Amino acid sequence: MAAAHGAVAAVNGDFGLSGRPVHPFAEDGVLYQTSFTHSHNVAMSHREDDVYFRHPMPRLSVLQTESGDVLRVDRWNRGEPTWGEVGAYTPAGEGVERPPSFACSARLYGVGPGRWTDGEVGIARDYVVDDAVCLRRPMARNGGVVLSAQPGSPEALLIRSLTPGERLTSTWTFGWTGVADSLGGYPLLVRDGRIVVGRCWASICGRHPRTAIGVDPDGRMLLVVVDGRRRMSVGMGLVPLAKLMKRLGAVSALNLDGGGSSTMV
């Protein structure tokens, strides 16, 4: 993966859950998933002038351009929509996420690449409607994006009103300017130059191989891997890891997946 991206250096990232990251994830301007977790993500603006170690606040919408209606999307490759919600299911979720059964759904195909919105506060992409119908079975993605809502809800009525060939615009943002890439971790180790993780006795807090990401006052990214679970290298707990990141100059730092996943190239 590192070689395919031409990376100078690489480490493993977010914790994994059933073949997917735990937290919200975006890469190269493509949103892969939202999440129910309320933890921290790390992101750098594409101009490399801002770095964020914060709670992401995903906002997603689909503008029905012909009528001006705005459909709020609540889930992106993350579970079935409840009443009053809209779920989106893309090819990126194939194998770990299916559009729901007994739903009103529309299949959209992308038209052209994504682009920055005004002020670079989000990313927009145009789509064309392929089909919109209420089905007992899940609507097939067929390489497109499927929007689904529960039958009878206002959101389902709006989805059902879409017509084949109609053009829509979808936008997403994590609430940060100029961000096209972001991944999550847990817990936050350092904030504003201060260690913010406390001592604990859960399994995650003990000595393990570790991976962490941080940034120094000059905006340089710090990628750190600590070996462990070996006789000559026993790993680190979260507090010693936070102290290490601060000693290396981090003003912000986040713990990523550790244990057997810790890897550096």
Protein backbone atom coordinates (compact mmCIF):
# COMPACT_ATOMS: atom_id res chain seq x y z
CA MET A 1 0.00 0.00 0.00
CA ALA A 2 2.80 2.41 0.86
CA ALA A 3 4.60 1.71 -2.42
CA ALA A 4 1.39 2.05 -4.44
CA HIS A 5 0.90 5.55 -3.04
CA GLY A 6 4.55 6.55 -3.46
CA ALA A 7 4.83 7.12 0.28
CA VAL A 8 8.09 8.27 1.85
CA ALA A 9 6.90 6.84 5.18
CA ALA A 10 3.79 5.02 6.32
CA VAL A 11 2.22 3.60 9.48
CA ASN A 12 -0.97 1.69 10.16
CA GLY A 13 -4.04 3.77 10.96
CA ASP A 14 -7.43 3.46 12.66
CA PHE A 15 -8.68 0.55 14.70
CA GLY A 16 -10.45 -2.09 12.62
CA LEU A 17 -13.97 -3.43 13.11
CA SER A 18 -15.41 -6.15 10.85
CA GLY A 19 -13.20 -5.20 7.92
CA ARG A 20 -13.64 -1.43 8.22
CA PRO A 21 -12.23 1.51 10.19
CA VAL A 22 -13.99 2.36 13.45
CA HIS A 23 -14.13 6.14 12.94
CA PRO A 24 -15.15 8.43 10.06
CA PHE A 25 -12.79 8.03 7.12
CA ALA A 26 -12.10 9.99 3.93
CA GLU A 27 -9.32 9.67 1.37
CA ASP A 28 -8.44 11.87 -1.62
CA GLY A 29 -11.73 13.74 -1.36
CA VAL A 30 -13.85 10.57 -1.26
CA LEU A 31 -15.96 9.98 1.86
CA TYR A 32 -15.84 6.28 2.70
CA GLN A 33 -17.90 6.19 5.88
CA THR A 34 -19.38 8.07 8.81
CA SER A 35 -19.48 6.49 12.26
CA PHE A 36 -21.45 6.38 15.49
CA THR A 37 -18.32 6.91 17.58
CA HIS A 38 -17.58 10.25 19.19
CA SER A 39 -13.81 10.25 19.27
CA HIS A 40 -11.05 12.17 17.51
CA ASN A 41 -9.92 12.27 13.91
CA VAL A 42 -6.70 13.67 12.51
CA ALA A 43 -6.61 15.65 9.26
CA MET A 44 -4.27 18.00 7.43
CA SER A 45 -5.53 20.57 4.95
CA HIS A 46 -4.52 19.96 1.34
CA ARG A 47 -2.40 23.13 1.46
CA GLU A 48 -0.61 21.72 4.52
CA ASP A 49 -1.24 24.93 6.47
CA ASP A 50 -3.71 23.52 9.04
CA VAL A 51 -3.73 20.31 11.05
CA TYR A 52 -6.79 19.14 12.98
CA PHE A 53 -6.94 16.78 15.98
CA ARG A 54 -10.63 17.15 16.82
CA HIS A 55 -14.04 15.54 16.94
CA PRO A 56 -15.27 15.48 13.33
CA MET A 57 -18.76 16.85 12.72
CA PRO A 58 -19.84 15.22 9.44
CA ARG A 59 -22.50 17.06 7.45
CA LEU A 60 -23.86 15.53 4.28
CA SER A 61 -26.55 16.71 1.91
CA VAL A 62 -27.95 16.08 -1.55
CA LEU A 63 -29.37 19.07 -3.41
CA GLN A 64 -32.20 18.27 -5.83
CA THR A 65 -31.21 20.89 -8.36
CA GLU A 66 -34.45 21.10 -10.37
CA SER A 67 -36.67 21.83 -7.35
CA GLY A 68 -34.12 23.19 -4.91
CA ASP A 69 -35.03 20.58 -2.27
CA VAL A 70 -32.21 19.51 0.05
CA LEU A 71 -32.09 15.93 1.30
CA ARG A 72 -30.01 15.52 4.44
CA VAL A 73 -27.99 12.30 4.51
CA ASP A 74 -27.53 10.91 8.02
CA ARG A 75 -25.45 7.77 7.37
CA TRP A 76 -22.76 7.00 4.83
CA ASN A 77 -21.96 3.30 4.57
CA ARG A 78 -23.00 2.91 8.17
CA GLY A 79 -26.15 0.94 9.08
CA GLU A 80 -29.79 1.09 8.04
CA PRO A 81 -31.66 4.40 8.29
CA THR A 82 -34.19 4.79 11.07
CA TRP A 83 -37.42 6.78 10.65
CA GLY A 84 -36.61 10.28 9.39
CA GLU A 85 -33.11 9.35 8.24
CA VAL A 86 -31.45 8.81 4.87
CA GLY A 87 -28.66 6.29 4.41
CA ALA A 88 -26.14 6.30 1.56
CA TYR A 89 -24.38 3.17 0.31
CA THR A 90 -21.44 3.37 -2.09
CA PRO A 91 -19.17 0.81 -3.78
CA ALA A 92 -16.66 1.48 -0.99
CA GLY A 93 -19.03 -0.26 1.43
CA GLU A 94 -19.44 -3.39 -0.72
CA GLY A 95 -18.85 -6.45 1.41
CA VAL A 96 -19.39 -4.73 4.77
CA GLU A 97 -22.61 -2.78 4.19
CA ARG A 98 -25.80 -3.43 2.19
CA PRO A 99 -28.63 -1.04 1.29
CA PRO A 100 -31.70 -1.92 3.39
CA SER A 101 -34.63 -4.12 2.43
CA PHE A 102 -38.19 -2.74 2.44
CA ALA A 103 -37.00 0.78 1.63
CA CYS A 104 -37.50 3.55 -0.90
CA SER A 105 -34.20 3.93 -2.70
CA ALA A 106 -32.56 5.81 -5.56
CA ARG A 107 -29.41 4.83 -7.43
CA LEU A 108 -27.11 7.65 -8.54
CA TYR A 109 -24.06 7.69 -10.79
CA GLY A 110 -21.28 10.22 -10.42
CA VAL A 111 -20.75 12.81 -13.15
CA GLY A 112 -17.19 14.13 -13.16
CA PRO A 113 -14.80 14.38 -10.19
CA GLY A 114 -15.38 16.00 -6.83
CA ARG A 115 -14.64 19.70 -6.33
CA TRP A 116 -14.20 22.10 -3.46
CA THR A 117 -17.21 24.07 -2.30
CA ASP A 118 -16.95 27.83 -1.69
CA GLY A 119 -14.26 28.55 0.87
CA GLU A 120 -13.05 24.93 0.64
CA VAL A 121 -15.29 23.99 3.56
CA GLY A 122 -16.44 20.79 1.88
CA ILE A 123 -16.37 18.68 -1.26
CA ALA A 124 -19.17 18.51 -3.83
CA ARG A 125 -19.86 16.09 -6.66
CA ASP A 126 -22.57 15.97 -9.30
CA TYR A 127 -24.71 12.87 -9.84
CA VAL A 128 -27.40 11.72 -12.23
CA VAL A 129 -30.40 9.64 -11.10
CA ASP A 130 -30.55 6.16 -12.61
CA ASP A 131 -33.63 4.80 -10.83
CA ALA A 132 -35.90 5.59 -7.85
CA VAL A 133 -38.34 3.01 -6.50
CA CYS A 134 -39.61 1.35 -3.29
CA LEU A 135 -38.48 -2.29 -3.05
CA ARG A 136 -38.80 -5.30 -0.77
CA ARG A 137 -35.22 -6.31 -1.58
CA PRO A 138 -32.07 -4.15 -1.29
CA MET A 139 -31.42 -1.97 -4.33
CA ALA A 140 -28.23 -3.04 -6.12
CA ARG A 141 -25.50 -0.43 -6.24
CA ASN A 142 -24.15 -1.57 -9.61
CA GLY A 143 -21.17 0.74 -9.15
CA GLY A 144 -23.30 3.71 -8.09
CA VAL A 145 -24.48 5.32 -4.87
CA VAL A 146 -27.80 4.21 -3.36
CA LEU A 147 -29.85 6.56 -1.14
CA SER A 148 -32.47 4.83 1.05
CA ALA A 149 -35.18 5.83 3.52
CA GLN A 150 -38.02 4.06 5.32
CA PRO A 151 -41.27 3.89 3.30
CA GLY A 152 -43.83 6.52 4.22
CA SER A 153 -41.32 8.96 5.68
CA PRO A 154 -40.95 12.46 4.18
CA GLU A 155 -37.44 11.49 3.11
CA ALA A 156 -38.79 8.46 1.23
CA LEU A 157 -41.31 10.64 -0.57
CA LEU A 158 -38.55 12.96 -1.71
CA ILE A 159 -36.38 10.04 -2.86
CA ARG A 160 -39.34 8.54 -4.70
CA SER A 161 -39.93 11.85 -6.49
CA LEU A 162 -36.53 11.70 -8.19
CA THR A 163 -36.72 10.94 -11.89
CA PRO A 164 -34.20 9.08 -14.07
CA GLY A 165 -31.83 11.51 -15.74
CA GLU A 166 -32.30 14.18 -13.06
CA ARG A 167 -29.03 15.75 -11.89
CA LEU A 168 -28.18 16.20 -8.22
CA THR A 169 -25.27 17.64 -6.26
CA SER A 170 -23.94 15.90 -3.14
CA THR A 171 -21.70 17.63 -0.58
CA TRP A 172 -19.85 16.45 2.51
CA THR A 173 -17.64 18.04 5.14
CA PHE A 174 -16.14 17.13 8.50
CA GLY A 175 -16.40 20.78 9.51
CA TRP A 176 -12.80 21.66 8.67
CA THR A 177 -11.46 23.85 5.87
CA GLY A 178 -9.49 22.29 3.03
CA VAL A 179 -9.72 18.70 4.31
CA ALA A 180 -9.92 15.85 1.79
CA ASP A 181 -8.34 13.12 3.96
CA SER A 182 -9.06 12.11 7.55
CA LEU A 183 -8.81 9.08 9.81
CA GLY A 184 -9.64 8.40 13.44
CA GLY A 185 -8.02 7.00 16.55
CA TYR A 186 -8.43 6.74 20.32
CA PRO A 187 -7.60 8.24 22.72
CA LEU A 188 -6.19 11.74 22.26
CA LEU A 189 -2.77 11.81 23.92
CA VAL A 190 -1.63 15.45 23.72
CA ARG A 191 -3.63 18.64 23.18
CA ASP A 192 -2.14 22.16 23.06
CA GLY A 193 1.16 20.76 24.32
CA ARG A 194 -0.41 19.13 27.41
CA ILE A 195 -0.82 15.42 28.12
CA VAL A 196 -4.56 14.76 28.32
CA VAL A 197 -4.68 10.97 28.67
CA GLY A 198 -4.91 9.69 32.24
CA ARG A 199 -3.94 6.44 33.89
CA CYS A 200 -6.33 3.54 33.48
CA TRP A 201 -6.40 -0.22 33.93
CA ALA A 202 -8.31 -1.40 30.87
CA SER A 203 -6.57 -3.70 28.38
CA ILE A 204 -5.93 -0.85 25.93
CA CYS A 205 -4.00 1.03 28.61
CA GLY A 206 -1.35 -1.63 29.28
CA ARG A 207 2.00 -2.23 27.61
CA HIS A 208 1.53 -3.02 23.95
CA PRO A 209 3.12 -2.25 20.61
CA ARG A 210 1.92 1.28 19.75
CA THR A 211 1.30 3.54 16.80
CA ALA A 212 0.72 7.27 17.23
CA ILE A 213 0.51 10.35 15.05
CA GLY A 214 1.31 13.89 16.13
CA VAL A 215 2.25 17.35 14.93
CA ASP A 216 4.94 19.73 16.22
CA PRO A 217 4.70 23.55 16.45
CA ASP A 218 6.11 23.90 12.91
CA GLY A 219 3.36 21.68 11.46
CA ARG A 220 5.60 18.66 10.87
CA MET A 221 3.85 15.33 11.19
CA LEU A 222 5.28 12.78 13.63
CA LEU A 223 4.69 9.10 12.84
CA VAL A 224 5.73 6.90 15.76
CA VAL A 225 5.74 3.13 16.18
CA VAL A 226 6.80 1.41 19.41
CA ASP A 227 7.81 -2.24 19.29
CA GLY A 228 6.48 -4.62 21.96
CA ARG A 229 5.41 -8.04 23.16
CA ARG A 230 9.00 -9.26 22.92
CA ARG A 231 11.52 -10.07 25.61
CA MET A 232 13.74 -7.11 24.76
CA SER A 233 10.89 -4.72 23.89
CA VAL A 234 7.79 -4.80 26.09
CA GLY A 235 5.84 -1.92 24.52
CA MET A 236 4.31 1.13 26.18
CA GLY A 237 1.20 2.14 28.07
CA LEU A 238 -0.83 5.14 26.98
CA VAL A 239 0.66 7.60 29.47
CA PRO A 240 4.30 6.74 28.59
CA LEU A 241 3.32 6.98 24.91
CA ALA A 242 1.90 10.46 25.51
CA LYS A 243 5.11 11.47 27.30
CA LEU A 244 7.15 10.16 24.37
CA MET A 245 5.09 12.17 21.87
CA LYS A 246 5.49 15.32 23.96
CA ARG A 247 9.23 14.70 24.28
CA LEU A 248 9.43 14.45 20.48
CA GLY A 249 7.85 17.90 20.26
CA ALA A 250 4.18 17.08 19.63
CA VAL A 251 1.65 19.78 20.49
CA SER A 252 -1.14 17.40 19.44
CA ALA A 253 -1.01 13.61 19.30
CA LEU A 254 -3.46 10.74 18.80
CA ASN A 255 -3.17 7.02 19.54
CA LEU A 256 -3.83 4.78 16.53
CA ASP A 257 -4.34 1.02 16.36
CA GLY A 258 -1.61 -0.87 18.22
CA GLY A 259 -0.79 -4.43 19.14
CA GLY A 260 -0.19 -6.74 16.19
CA SER A 261 -1.28 -3.98 13.79
CA SER A 262 1.61 -1.62 14.60
CA THR A 263 3.70 -1.28 11.46
CA MET A 264 6.11 1.26 10.00
CA VAL A 265 7.47 1.45 6.46
